[in-house]
Amino acid sequence: MSYEMIALLLFATMMLMLLTGQRVFAAIGFVAAGAALLLYGQGAVEMPFNAAFKLFSWYPMLTLPLFIYMGYILADSGIAEDLYRMFHVWFGRVRGGLAIGTLLLMVIISAMNGLSVAGMAIGATIALPEMLRRGYDKKLISGIVQGGSSLGILIPPSVVMVLYGMIARQPVSQLWLAGVIPGLLMASLFLIYVVVRCRLQPHLAPLVSEQELNMPRAEKLKLLRAGVIPFLIFFFMTGLFVMGITSLVESSAVGATAATLAAWWKRRLSWAILQEAARKTLGISCMFLWIILAALAFGSIFDGLGASRALQGLFLNDWGLSPWEILILMQLSFIVLGMFLDDTAMLVIVAPLYIPMVKALGFDAIWYGVLYTITCQIAYITPPFGYNLFLMRAMAPKEITLLDIYKSISPIVVIMVFTLVMIMVFPQLALWLPHAVSGR
């Protein structure tokens, strides 16, 4: 059997295992371990140890549990809820003000957490009930929360970009910086969409009553303190890192410590909150760890078989596709995979194939990391089987049906696709800041 057929059989077996409903790391790890034993004999038993020590020696891995812990502390201590109250009061007199405030809240949460599910959880449980109570249109606000939560894996500190950097062997600091301008661009387009649509269709977003906003100016100014803590956390975590004062791992430790101190200062830090945050952090960190271990093992088998070179030869020589046509096909494959898998699983599956080919085609791996991240989020919210659509329905109030969520997502997807095209046409949107900071 040729190496190409072996590689194809491995990929087909892995997809079949995933369709059985097994855990992602178990399915991928089982295929990798079985293939290693069949191809290399008993010597393959060393592969798990090599993969494990390769992972444990990768210093930025320490950032994952710290960022995850920071996000849970901020959410469980109610700091995000304070932010929403601040936005509610200060934007209440603007048409669509609560929707605008929700989007700004999502940007701040993204800058503090790095996971899209955190922003969605806060938006669905805090923002949606408040806006529904004030007469906002269900489809409008459902799309806003979906779009805002997608910023979590694009704006630094993005946990997904940390994983991409580990698997693609790219510096996480460069990936973070590459996500800043695209993330802010997408957030700005979301805000413009809300303002324009609420101006054209004012019945979708009624103004908050004067009775609700009848608050003394001194109390309004006092509410602004709710935004000071997240800003300080973001500055100490990201600002010190960009200025070169702290390293990547030190920056994550600063963020986790600052979040804990903020919860303590607000007198909301309890033993129960610490226990719950630690338990959730341990669970998610272990899941990521096992998935990465499986990815390293699977990737080493693929590299050894030369699958990436075979796929490159198929596209370029046999089919005669141009590099840009290949890139677009790769992005479309993410849309299909996103119907069944989350971003981590997609990265694990395609990384051994796509990342070497991206480099061979002459594309920048940092730039491609931004494209991958945006495409994953498009795949998440694309009906009928978008991963985030069902997650949203599970957390949203019962008044919002799955059909409402489906109908709400079209303009959000259009904005995200437009952002993706802009970054493909103008790569410097993603690459200017990394190059400027690194002095290249």
Protein backbone atom coordinates (compact mmCIF):
# COMPACT_ATOMS: atom_id res chain seq x y z
CA MET A 1 0.00 0.00 0.00
CA SER A 2 1.35 3.44 -0.93
CA TYR A 3 2.03 6.13 1.64
CA GLU A 4 -0.72 8.28 0.12
CA MET A 5 -3.28 5.49 0.61
CA ILE A 6 -2.10 4.93 4.18
CA ALA A 7 -2.51 8.65 4.92
CA LEU A 8 -5.99 8.65 3.36
CA LEU A 9 -6.95 5.58 5.38
CA LEU A 10 -5.72 7.24 8.58
CA PHE A 11 -7.76 10.35 7.92
CA ALA A 12 -10.89 8.36 7.02
CA THR A 13 -10.52 6.20 10.15
CA MET A 14 -10.17 9.26 12.34
CA MET A 15 -13.32 10.85 10.87
CA LEU A 16 -15.20 7.60 11.37
CA MET A 17 -14.12 7.46 15.01
CA LEU A 18 -15.27 11.05 15.52
CA LEU A 19 -18.69 10.22 14.06
CA THR A 20 -19.14 7.49 16.69
CA GLY A 21 -19.39 10.19 19.34
CA GLN A 22 -16.13 9.37 21.09
CA ARG A 23 -14.20 12.16 22.76
CA VAL A 24 -12.02 14.03 20.29
CA PHE A 25 -8.70 13.31 22.01
CA ALA A 26 -9.59 9.61 22.39
CA ALA A 27 -10.56 9.20 18.74
CA ILE A 28 -7.49 10.98 17.38
CA GLY A 29 -5.11 9.44 19.91
CA PHE A 30 -6.41 5.93 19.23
CA VAL A 31 -5.89 6.27 15.48
CA ALA A 32 -2.41 7.74 15.99
CA ALA A 33 -1.37 5.02 18.46
CA GLY A 34 -2.75 2.19 16.32
CA ALA A 35 -1.09 3.52 13.16
CA ALA A 36 2.22 3.97 14.95
CA LEU A 37 2.23 0.37 16.18
CA LEU A 38 1.28 -1.00 12.76
CA LEU A 39 3.81 1.10 10.84
CA TYR A 40 6.76 1.21 13.20
CA GLY A 41 6.37 -1.81 15.45
CA GLN A 42 7.24 -1.85 19.14
CA GLY A 43 9.51 1.14 18.79
CA ALA A 44 6.37 3.25 18.49
CA VAL A 45 5.72 2.93 22.23
CA GLU A 46 8.23 5.76 22.68
CA MET A 47 6.03 8.18 20.73
CA PRO A 48 3.63 9.03 23.59
CA PHE A 49 6.54 9.82 25.88
CA ASN A 50 8.23 11.97 23.25
CA ALA A 51 5.01 13.84 22.54
CA ALA A 52 4.34 14.39 26.24
CA PHE A 53 7.80 15.75 27.00
CA LYS A 54 7.71 17.92 23.87
CA LEU A 55 4.48 19.44 25.17
CA PHE A 56 5.67 19.82 28.76
CA SER A 57 8.83 21.58 27.61
CA TRP A 58 6.79 24.16 25.71
CA TYR A 59 6.83 27.02 28.20
CA PRO A 60 3.79 29.01 26.89
CA MET A 61 1.60 26.03 27.81
CA LEU A 62 1.54 27.54 31.30
CA THR A 63 -0.58 30.41 29.98
CA LEU A 64 -3.62 28.22 29.26
CA PRO A 65 -4.78 27.46 32.81
CA LEU A 66 -3.95 30.99 33.96
CA PHE A 67 -6.07 32.66 31.27
CA ILE A 68 -8.92 30.21 31.80
CA TYR A 69 -8.82 30.77 35.57
CA MET A 70 -8.82 34.53 35.08
CA GLY A 71 -11.94 34.37 32.92
CA TYR A 72 -13.88 32.25 35.40
CA ILE A 73 -12.93 34.45 38.36
CA LEU A 74 -14.14 37.57 36.54
CA ALA A 75 -17.39 35.92 35.48
CA ASP A 76 -18.21 34.23 38.81
CA SER A 77 -17.39 37.32 40.88
CA GLY A 78 -19.95 39.43 38.98
CA ILE A 79 -17.51 41.97 37.55
CA ALA A 80 -18.97 41.43 34.06
CA GLU A 81 -22.46 42.04 35.43
CA ASP A 82 -21.30 45.37 36.89
CA LEU A 83 -20.01 46.33 33.45
CA TYR A 84 -23.39 45.67 31.91
CA ARG A 85 -25.13 47.89 34.44
CA MET A 86 -22.68 50.67 33.61
CA PHE A 87 -23.36 50.32 29.88
CA HIS A 88 -27.11 50.20 30.51
CA VAL A 89 -27.10 53.53 32.31
CA TRP A 90 -24.65 55.38 30.08
CA PHE A 91 -26.01 54.20 26.72
CA GLY A 92 -29.70 54.04 27.66
CA ARG A 93 -30.60 57.31 25.91
CA VAL A 94 -29.10 56.19 22.57
CA ARG A 95 -31.25 54.28 20.08
CA GLY A 96 -30.01 50.71 20.41
CA GLY A 97 -27.85 51.81 23.35
CA LEU A 98 -28.14 48.54 25.26
CA ALA A 99 -27.17 46.59 22.15
CA ILE A 100 -24.16 48.88 21.68
CA GLY A 101 -23.25 48.44 25.33
CA THR A 102 -23.55 44.68 24.99
CA LEU A 103 -21.10 44.68 22.08
CA LEU A 104 -18.64 46.83 24.02
CA LEU A 105 -19.04 44.49 26.96
CA MET A 106 -18.21 41.55 24.69
CA VAL A 107 -15.03 43.30 23.50
CA ILE A 108 -13.92 43.83 27.10
CA ILE A 109 -14.75 40.26 28.07
CA SER A 110 -12.79 39.01 25.05
CA ALA A 111 -9.81 41.08 26.17
CA MET A 112 -10.03 39.52 29.62
CA ASN A 113 -10.85 35.91 28.86
CA GLY A 114 -9.80 34.50 25.49
CA LEU A 115 -12.68 32.02 25.07
CA SER A 116 -15.81 32.69 23.01
CA VAL A 117 -17.97 30.58 25.33
CA ALA A 118 -17.32 32.98 28.24
CA GLY A 119 -18.65 35.98 26.32
CA MET A 120 -21.64 34.00 25.11
CA ALA A 121 -22.47 32.78 28.62
CA ILE A 122 -22.44 36.31 30.03
CA GLY A 123 -24.31 37.74 27.04
CA ALA A 124 -26.99 35.03 27.07
CA THR A 125 -27.57 34.99 30.83
CA ILE A 126 -27.20 38.72 31.62
CA ALA A 127 -27.66 40.83 28.49
CA LEU A 128 -30.44 38.93 26.69
CA PRO A 129 -32.96 38.90 29.59
CA GLU A 130 -32.36 42.61 30.25
CA MET A 131 -32.87 43.60 26.60
CA LEU A 132 -35.92 41.36 26.21
CA ARG A 133 -37.46 42.98 29.27
CA ARG A 134 -37.00 46.38 27.63
CA GLY A 135 -38.69 45.37 24.37
CA TYR A 136 -35.69 44.73 22.10
CA ASP A 137 -36.22 42.52 19.06
CA LYS A 138 -35.28 38.88 19.73
CA LYS A 139 -33.50 38.30 16.45
CA LEU A 140 -31.48 41.52 16.69
CA ILE A 141 -30.10 40.83 20.15
CA SER A 142 -29.51 37.12 19.46
CA GLY A 143 -27.28 38.02 16.53
CA ILE A 144 -25.46 40.66 18.58
CA VAL A 145 -24.55 38.19 21.32
CA GLN A 146 -23.45 35.60 18.76
CA GLY A 147 -21.28 38.12 16.94
CA GLY A 148 -19.85 39.66 20.08
CA SER A 149 -18.92 36.31 21.57
CA SER A 150 -16.99 35.43 18.40
CA LEU A 151 -14.45 38.11 19.31
CA GLY A 152 -13.27 36.00 22.23
CA ILE A 153 -10.93 33.85 20.17
CA LEU A 154 -9.63 36.75 18.05
CA ILE A 155 -8.85 39.60 20.45
CA PRO A 156 -5.88 38.78 22.72
CA PRO A 157 -5.41 36.93 24.95
CA SER A 158 -6.90 34.28 22.67
CA VAL A 159 -6.61 30.74 24.01
CA VAL A 160 -7.27 29.34 20.53
CA MET A 161 -4.31 31.29 19.14
CA VAL A 162 -2.13 29.85 21.90
CA LEU A 163 -3.11 26.38 20.69
CA TYR A 164 -2.53 27.35 17.07
CA GLY A 165 0.90 28.69 17.98
CA MET A 166 1.78 25.42 19.72
CA ILE A 167 0.73 23.21 16.85
CA ALA A 168 1.97 25.52 14.04
CA ARG A 169 5.23 26.32 15.89
CA GLN A 170 4.55 30.06 15.68
CA PRO A 171 5.21 32.70 18.40
CA VAL A 172 2.04 33.33 20.38
CA SER A 173 2.97 36.96 20.94
CA GLN A 174 2.96 37.57 17.17
CA LEU A 175 -0.39 35.79 16.80
CA TRP A 176 -1.93 37.87 19.56
CA LEU A 177 -0.76 41.10 17.98
CA ALA A 178 -2.02 39.91 14.58
CA GLY A 179 -5.52 39.49 16.01
CA VAL A 180 -5.83 43.00 17.47
CA ILE A 181 -6.66 45.05 14.35
CA PRO A 182 -8.91 42.38 12.73
CA GLY A 183 -10.74 41.97 16.05
CA LEU A 184 -11.29 45.70 16.49
CA LEU A 185 -12.29 45.99 12.81
CA MET A 186 -14.93 43.31 13.21
CA ALA A 187 -16.20 44.87 16.46
CA SER A 188 -16.46 48.26 14.71
CA LEU A 189 -18.45 46.74 11.84
CA PHE A 190 -20.82 45.12 14.35
CA LEU A 191 -21.33 48.50 16.04
CA ILE A 192 -22.01 50.23 12.71
CA TYR A 193 -24.54 47.52 11.84
CA VAL A 194 -26.39 48.02 15.14
CA VAL A 195 -26.45 51.83 14.85
CA VAL A 196 -27.62 51.84 11.23
CA ARG A 197 -30.26 49.15 11.67
CA CYS A 198 -31.68 50.71 14.84
CA ARG A 199 -31.83 54.07 13.08
CA LEU A 200 -33.68 52.56 10.09
CA GLN A 201 -35.93 50.31 12.22
CA PRO A 202 -36.39 52.11 15.55
CA HIS A 203 -39.09 49.68 16.70
CA LEU A 204 -36.38 47.00 17.09
CA ALA A 205 -34.66 48.89 19.92
CA PRO A 206 -36.90 51.15 22.04
CA LEU A 207 -35.32 53.82 24.20
CA VAL A 208 -35.00 53.18 27.93
CA SER A 209 -37.60 55.04 29.96
CA GLU A 210 -36.71 58.25 31.78
CA GLN A 211 -37.80 56.63 35.04
CA GLU A 212 -35.13 53.96 34.71
CA LEU A 213 -32.45 56.51 33.87
CA ASN A 214 -33.47 59.06 36.51
CA MET A 215 -30.22 58.75 38.40
CA PRO A 216 -28.11 61.53 39.93
CA ARG A 217 -24.97 62.40 37.98
CA ALA A 218 -22.81 61.56 40.98
CA GLU A 219 -24.20 58.01 41.02
CA LYS A 220 -23.66 57.69 37.26
CA LEU A 221 -20.03 58.71 37.67
CA LYS A 222 -19.74 56.19 40.47
CA LEU A 223 -20.91 53.48 38.07
CA LEU A 224 -17.97 54.25 35.80
CA ARG A 225 -15.75 52.52 38.35
CA ALA A 226 -17.13 49.25 37.00
CA GLY A 227 -15.09 49.84 33.85
CA VAL A 228 -11.90 50.79 35.66
CA ILE A 229 -11.13 47.32 36.97
CA PRO A 230 -11.35 45.50 33.59
CA PHE A 231 -9.28 48.26 31.96
CA LEU A 232 -6.57 47.95 34.60
CA ILE A 233 -6.53 44.17 34.29
CA PHE A 234 -6.24 44.41 30.52
CA PHE A 235 -3.49 47.05 30.78
CA PHE A 236 -1.41 45.14 33.30
CA MET A 237 -1.83 41.89 31.42
CA THR A 238 -1.50 42.94 27.77
CA GLY A 239 0.07 46.38 28.03
CA LEU A 240 3.05 45.24 30.06
CA PHE A 241 3.57 42.36 27.65
CA VAL A 242 3.49 44.59 24.55
CA MET A 243 5.91 47.03 26.18
CA GLY A 244 8.33 44.17 26.80
CA ILE A 245 8.19 44.40 30.59
CA THR A 246 6.69 40.95 31.10
CA SER A 247 6.97 37.72 29.14
CA LEU A 248 3.97 35.80 27.80
CA VAL A 249 3.74 33.52 30.83
CA GLU A 250 4.36 36.38 33.26
CA SER A 251 1.59 38.34 31.55
CA SER A 252 -0.90 35.51 32.09
CA ALA A 253 0.14 35.28 35.74
CA VAL A 254 -0.35 39.05 36.11
CA GLY A 255 -3.85 38.75 34.63
CA ALA A 256 -4.86 35.86 36.89
CA THR A 257 -3.48 37.61 39.98
CA ALA A 258 -5.12 40.92 39.07
CA ALA A 259 -8.50 39.21 38.54
CA THR A 260 -8.26 37.51 41.93
CA LEU A 261 -7.30 40.75 43.67
CA ALA A 262 -10.14 42.57 41.90
CA ALA A 263 -12.66 40.00 43.16
CA TRP A 264 -11.19 40.30 46.67
CA TRP A 265 -11.30 44.11 46.55
CA LYS A 266 -14.97 43.95 45.51
CA ARG A 267 -15.54 41.61 48.50
CA ARG A 268 -16.81 38.87 46.24
CA LEU A 269 -13.96 36.41 46.57
CA SER A 270 -15.11 33.41 48.54
CA TRP A 271 -13.83 29.92 49.05
CA ALA A 272 -16.73 28.57 46.97
CA ILE A 273 -15.85 30.83 44.01
CA LEU A 274 -12.19 29.83 44.21
CA GLN A 275 -13.10 26.15 44.32
CA GLU A 276 -15.49 26.42 41.38
CA ALA A 277 -13.04 28.44 39.27
CA ALA A 278 -10.24 25.97 40.04
CA ARG A 279 -12.45 22.99 39.19
CA LYS A 280 -13.54 24.45 35.84
CA THR A 281 -9.98 25.52 35.02
CA LEU A 282 -8.63 22.05 35.74
CA GLY A 283 -11.28 20.39 33.58
CA ILE A 284 -10.77 22.61 30.53
CA SER A 285 -6.96 22.65 30.86
CA CYS A 286 -6.82 18.85 31.00
CA MET A 287 -9.09 18.61 27.96
CA PHE A 288 -6.77 20.91 26.00
CA LEU A 289 -3.74 18.95 27.21
CA TRP A 290 -5.06 15.61 26.01
CA ILE A 291 -6.17 17.05 22.67
CA ILE A 292 -2.75 18.58 22.04
CA LEU A 293 -1.01 15.33 22.95
CA ALA A 294 -3.20 13.46 20.48
CA ALA A 295 -2.55 16.13 17.84
CA LEU A 296 1.22 15.86 18.24
CA ALA A 297 1.10 12.07 17.86
CA PHE A 298 -1.21 12.22 14.85
CA GLY A 299 0.85 14.99 13.26
CA SER A 300 4.08 13.05 13.61
CA ILE A 301 2.54 10.08 11.76
CA PHE A 302 1.30 12.33 8.95
CA ASP A 303 4.64 14.08 8.65
CA GLY A 304 6.43 10.74 8.53
CA LEU A 305 4.20 9.53 5.71
CA GLY A 306 4.65 12.72 3.69
CA ALA A 307 0.90 13.34 3.53
CA SER A 308 1.30 17.11 3.37
CA ARG A 309 3.63 16.91 0.38
CA ALA A 310 1.30 14.45 -1.34
CA LEU A 311 -1.70 16.76 -0.84
CA GLN A 312 0.31 19.71 -2.11
CA GLY A 313 1.28 17.76 -5.20
CA LEU A 314 -2.35 16.76 -5.79
CA PHE A 315 -3.58 20.37 -5.66
CA LEU A 316 -0.73 22.02 -7.56
CA ASN A 317 0.37 19.41 -10.07
CA ASP A 318 -2.60 17.09 -10.66
CA TRP A 319 -5.45 19.59 -10.33
CA GLY A 320 -3.46 22.66 -11.38
CA LEU A 321 -4.96 24.92 -8.72
CA SER A 322 -3.40 28.27 -7.85
CA PRO A 323 -2.24 28.98 -4.26
CA TRP A 324 -5.25 31.27 -3.67
CA GLU A 325 -7.69 28.65 -4.95
CA ILE A 326 -6.15 26.12 -2.59
CA LEU A 327 -6.42 28.58 0.30
CA ILE A 328 -10.12 29.20 -0.40
CA LEU A 329 -10.79 25.45 -0.54
CA MET A 330 -9.07 25.07 2.82
CA GLN A 331 -11.25 27.77 4.35
CA LEU A 332 -14.42 26.18 2.93
CA SER A 333 -13.45 22.87 4.52
CA PHE A 334 -13.50 24.61 7.92
CA ILE A 335 -17.13 25.62 7.31
CA VAL A 336 -18.06 21.96 6.79
CA LEU A 337 -16.05 20.72 9.78
CA GLY A 338 -17.56 23.43 11.96
CA MET A 339 -20.95 21.72 11.67
CA PHE A 340 -19.64 18.86 13.79
CA LEU A 341 -16.54 19.98 15.70
CA ASP A 342 -15.26 22.83 17.84
CA ASP A 343 -12.26 24.99 16.95
CA THR A 344 -9.73 22.89 18.85
CA ALA A 345 -10.80 19.67 17.17
CA MET A 346 -10.74 21.32 13.74
CA LEU A 347 -7.24 22.62 14.36
CA VAL A 348 -6.04 19.20 15.48
CA ILE A 349 -7.46 17.50 12.39
CA VAL A 350 -6.27 19.92 9.72
CA ALA A 351 -3.01 21.18 11.25
CA PRO A 352 -0.87 18.26 10.03
CA LEU A 353 -2.20 18.82 6.50
CA TYR A 354 -2.79 22.54 6.14
CA ILE A 355 -0.09 24.36 8.05
CA PRO A 356 2.91 22.82 6.19
CA MET A 357 1.07 23.45 2.92
CA VAL A 358 0.37 27.08 3.83
CA LYS A 359 4.08 27.64 4.36
CA ALA A 360 4.98 25.78 1.15
CA LEU A 361 2.55 27.93 -0.85
CA GLY A 362 4.34 31.05 0.34
CA PHE A 363 1.71 32.35 2.76
CA ASP A 364 2.54 33.77 6.17
CA ALA A 365 1.64 31.33 8.99
CA ILE A 366 0.81 34.21 11.37
CA TRP A 367 -1.58 35.72 8.82
CA TYR A 368 -3.13 32.31 8.21
CA GLY A 369 -3.70 31.92 11.95
CA VAL A 370 -6.01 34.95 11.85
CA LEU A 371 -7.84 33.56 8.80
CA TYR A 372 -8.26 30.21 10.54
CA THR A 373 -9.64 31.86 13.68
CA ILE A 374 -12.23 33.97 11.83
CA THR A 375 -13.29 31.06 9.60
CA CYS A 376 -13.80 28.84 12.65
CA GLN A 377 -16.15 31.39 14.15
CA ILE A 378 -18.08 31.62 10.87
CA ALA A 379 -18.38 27.84 10.88
CA TYR A 380 -19.63 27.91 14.49
CA ILE A 381 -22.59 30.16 13.74
CA THR A 382 -23.55 28.87 10.29
CA PRO A 383 -26.85 26.92 10.20
CA PRO A 384 -28.03 24.26 10.25
CA PHE A 385 -25.48 22.62 12.56
CA GLY A 386 -23.38 25.47 13.88
CA TYR A 387 -21.68 24.49 17.14
CA ASN A 388 -22.41 27.83 18.85
CA LEU A 389 -26.03 27.96 17.70
CA PHE A 390 -27.02 25.06 19.94
CA LEU A 391 -24.84 26.36 22.77
CA MET A 392 -26.63 29.69 22.50
CA ARG A 393 -30.03 28.02 22.60
CA ALA A 394 -29.07 26.08 25.73
CA MET A 395 -28.17 29.29 27.62
CA ALA A 396 -30.65 31.81 26.17
CA PRO A 397 -34.05 32.62 27.75
CA LYS A 398 -36.90 30.34 26.67
CA GLU A 399 -38.53 33.16 24.67
CA ILE A 400 -35.71 32.89 22.12
CA THR A 401 -36.18 29.79 19.96
CA LEU A 402 -33.67 28.03 17.78
CA LEU A 403 -35.48 29.43 14.72
CA ASP A 404 -34.99 32.96 16.10
CA ILE A 405 -31.29 32.27 16.47
CA TYR A 406 -31.09 30.92 12.91
CA LYS A 407 -32.81 34.03 11.54
CA SER A 408 -30.58 36.37 13.55
CA ILE A 409 -27.29 35.15 12.22
CA SER A 410 -27.34 36.18 8.53
CA PRO A 411 -26.10 39.79 8.92
CA ILE A 412 -23.46 38.68 11.44
CA VAL A 413 -22.10 36.08 9.02
CA VAL A 414 -22.01 38.67 6.22
CA ILE A 415 -19.96 41.04 8.41
CA MET A 416 -17.55 38.26 9.40
CA VAL A 417 -17.10 37.13 5.79
CA PHE A 418 -16.46 40.74 4.76
CA THR A 419 -13.80 41.02 7.49
CA LEU A 420 -12.22 37.76 6.32
CA VAL A 421 -12.09 38.99 2.71
CA MET A 422 -10.58 42.30 3.83
CA ILE A 423 -7.77 40.49 5.65
CA MET A 424 -7.14 38.21 2.68
CA VAL A 425 -6.97 41.17 0.28
CA PHE A 426 -5.02 43.38 2.70
CA PRO A 427 -2.75 41.07 4.75
CA GLN A 428 -1.17 44.06 6.50
CA LEU A 429 -4.35 44.44 8.56
CA ALA A 430 -3.10 41.40 10.44
CA LEU A 431 0.65 41.68 9.94
CA TRP A 432 1.38 45.39 10.45
CA LEU A 433 1.19 45.38 14.25
CA PRO A 434 3.33 42.23 14.79
CA HIS A 435 5.96 43.57 12.42
CA ALA A 436 5.88 47.03 14.01
CA VAL A 437 6.32 45.69 17.54
CA SER A 438 9.04 43.22 16.59
CA GLY A 439 10.86 45.88 14.57
CA ARG A 440 10.72 43.94 11.31
